[in-house]
Amino acid sequence: MTEAASVGAVIIDCADPAALAEFYGKVTGWKTGYQDEDFVYLGDEGATQLGFQRIADYQGPGWPDARKHFHLELVVTDVESAAADLIEQGAARPDFQPGDGAYVVLTDPEGHPFCLTTGG
């Protein structure tokens, strides 16, 4: 490849794009840049965006489950405080927590796992 590619968006398959985008909008502070019945994009055009795509009969991954295809790693200053806030917003904290306390695994309202870390 002669030109390096840049990431335009990370798209998350889901049953309810509007609801999941609302959750992640609260998590990131990003605003909706585009929305229709089947797609919602968070973030500014030209920057990396987070997208949500409706999939008929979608079922989220389990945790822990080797079938997950990706997860987001979100950097915060206080992991436990952020985890508590996100649980109030609809996230869940699974019992299985790998990493010996280096990070916390949560799942979003549709079951996608994501991690909270201080980045250090």
Protein backbone atom coordinates (compact mmCIF):
# COMPACT_ATOMS: atom_id res chain seq x y z
CA MET A 1 0.00 0.00 0.00
CA THR A 2 1.54 3.31 -1.04
CA GLU A 3 -0.49 5.51 1.28
CA ALA A 4 -1.07 4.86 4.98
CA ALA A 5 -4.75 4.52 5.85
CA SER A 6 -6.36 6.43 8.67
CA VAL A 7 -9.23 5.18 10.81
CA GLY A 8 -12.44 7.02 9.90
CA ALA A 9 -14.77 5.21 12.28
CA VAL A 10 -15.12 2.17 14.48
CA ILE A 11 -18.57 0.66 13.83
CA ILE A 12 -20.32 -1.38 16.52
CA ASP A 13 -23.07 -3.78 15.48
CA CYS A 14 -26.14 -3.59 17.71
CA ALA A 15 -29.92 -3.93 17.98
CA ASP A 16 -30.68 -0.28 18.88
CA PRO A 17 -28.19 2.22 17.43
CA ALA A 18 -29.83 5.30 18.96
CA ALA A 19 -29.84 3.87 22.49
CA LEU A 20 -26.28 2.57 22.31
CA ALA A 21 -25.06 5.86 20.81
CA GLU A 22 -26.75 7.72 23.66
CA PHE A 23 -24.87 5.54 26.17
CA TYR A 24 -21.48 6.06 24.48
CA GLY A 25 -22.21 9.76 23.99
CA LYS A 26 -22.47 10.04 27.77
CA VAL A 27 -19.29 7.97 28.17
CA THR A 28 -17.19 10.00 25.73
CA GLY A 29 -18.90 13.40 25.68
CA TRP A 30 -19.06 13.11 21.87
CA LYS A 31 -22.10 14.51 20.10
CA THR A 32 -24.15 12.84 17.35
CA GLY A 33 -22.75 13.79 13.96
CA TYR A 34 -25.15 11.74 11.84
CA GLN A 35 -28.23 9.67 12.58
CA ASP A 36 -30.86 7.73 10.68
CA GLU A 37 -33.00 4.73 11.60
CA ASP A 38 -30.17 2.22 11.17
CA PHE A 39 -26.96 4.19 11.80
CA VAL A 40 -25.67 6.70 14.33
CA TYR A 41 -22.22 8.29 14.31
CA LEU A 42 -20.66 10.08 17.27
CA GLY A 43 -17.89 12.61 16.81
CA ASP A 44 -16.91 15.27 14.35
CA GLU A 45 -16.70 14.64 10.61
CA GLY A 46 -13.06 14.36 9.60
CA ALA A 47 -12.06 12.97 13.00
CA THR A 48 -12.24 9.35 14.07
CA GLN A 49 -15.88 8.58 14.81
CA LEU A 50 -17.69 5.88 16.76
CA GLY A 51 -20.58 4.40 14.80
CA PHE A 52 -23.49 2.12 15.66
CA GLN A 53 -25.17 -0.05 13.04
CA ARG A 54 -28.50 -1.85 13.42
CA ILE A 55 -28.28 -5.60 12.75
CA ALA A 56 -31.52 -7.59 12.56
CA ASP A 57 -31.80 -10.14 15.39
CA TYR A 58 -28.52 -8.94 16.90
CA GLN A 59 -27.34 -10.70 20.06
CA GLY A 60 -24.44 -9.21 21.96
CA PRO A 61 -21.36 -11.22 22.97
CA GLY A 62 -21.05 -12.84 26.35
CA TRP A 63 -18.23 -12.18 28.78
CA PRO A 64 -15.91 -13.90 29.09
CA ASP A 65 -16.39 -15.30 25.63
CA ALA A 66 -13.83 -15.91 22.92
CA ARG A 67 -16.42 -14.83 20.31
CA LYS A 68 -15.97 -11.12 21.06
CA HIS A 69 -14.31 -9.47 18.09
CA PHE A 70 -13.11 -6.23 19.63
CA HIS A 71 -13.33 -4.11 22.72
CA LEU A 72 -12.79 -0.44 23.43
CA GLU A 73 -10.19 0.66 25.94
CA LEU A 74 -11.29 3.92 27.55
CA VAL A 75 -8.75 6.02 29.45
CA VAL A 76 -10.00 7.78 32.60
CA THR A 77 -8.29 9.41 35.58
CA ASP A 78 -10.11 7.38 38.27
CA VAL A 79 -11.16 3.89 37.18
CA GLU A 80 -13.42 3.06 40.13
CA SER A 81 -15.23 6.38 40.06
CA ALA A 82 -15.74 6.15 36.30
CA ALA A 83 -16.95 2.55 36.63
CA ALA A 84 -19.54 3.59 39.22
CA ASP A 85 -20.74 6.44 36.98
CA LEU A 86 -21.01 4.16 33.94
CA ILE A 87 -22.93 1.52 35.87
CA GLU A 88 -25.44 4.24 36.76
CA GLN A 89 -25.69 4.99 33.00
CA GLY A 90 -26.50 1.35 32.14
CA ALA A 91 -23.17 -0.49 32.03
CA ALA A 92 -22.66 -3.72 33.96
CA ARG A 93 -19.62 -5.02 35.83
CA PRO A 94 -19.14 -8.74 35.17
CA ASP A 95 -17.80 -10.97 37.91
CA PHE A 96 -14.87 -12.11 35.75
CA GLN A 97 -12.19 -9.39 35.96
CA PRO A 98 -8.81 -10.33 34.46
CA GLY A 99 -5.71 -8.16 34.74
CA ASP A 100 -5.11 -8.25 38.50
CA GLY A 101 -6.69 -4.81 38.98
CA ALA A 102 -4.75 -3.06 36.18
CA TYR A 103 -8.09 -2.25 34.51
CA VAL A 104 -11.82 -2.85 34.94
CA VAL A 105 -13.97 -4.67 32.40
CA LEU A 106 -17.54 -3.39 31.97
CA THR A 107 -20.19 -4.28 29.42
CA ASP A 108 -22.39 -1.75 27.64
CA PRO A 109 -26.20 -2.05 27.61
CA GLU A 110 -26.04 -4.53 24.68
CA GLY A 111 -23.30 -6.68 26.21
CA HIS A 112 -20.18 -5.41 24.40
CA PRO A 113 -17.20 -5.53 26.77
CA PHE A 114 -14.99 -2.48 27.22
CA CYS A 115 -12.15 -1.66 29.58
CA LEU A 116 -11.46 1.31 31.81
CA THR A 117 -7.82 2.11 32.48
CA THR A 118 -5.71 5.06 33.56
CA GLY A 119 -3.47 4.43 30.57
CA GLY A 120 -0.42 4.06 32.75
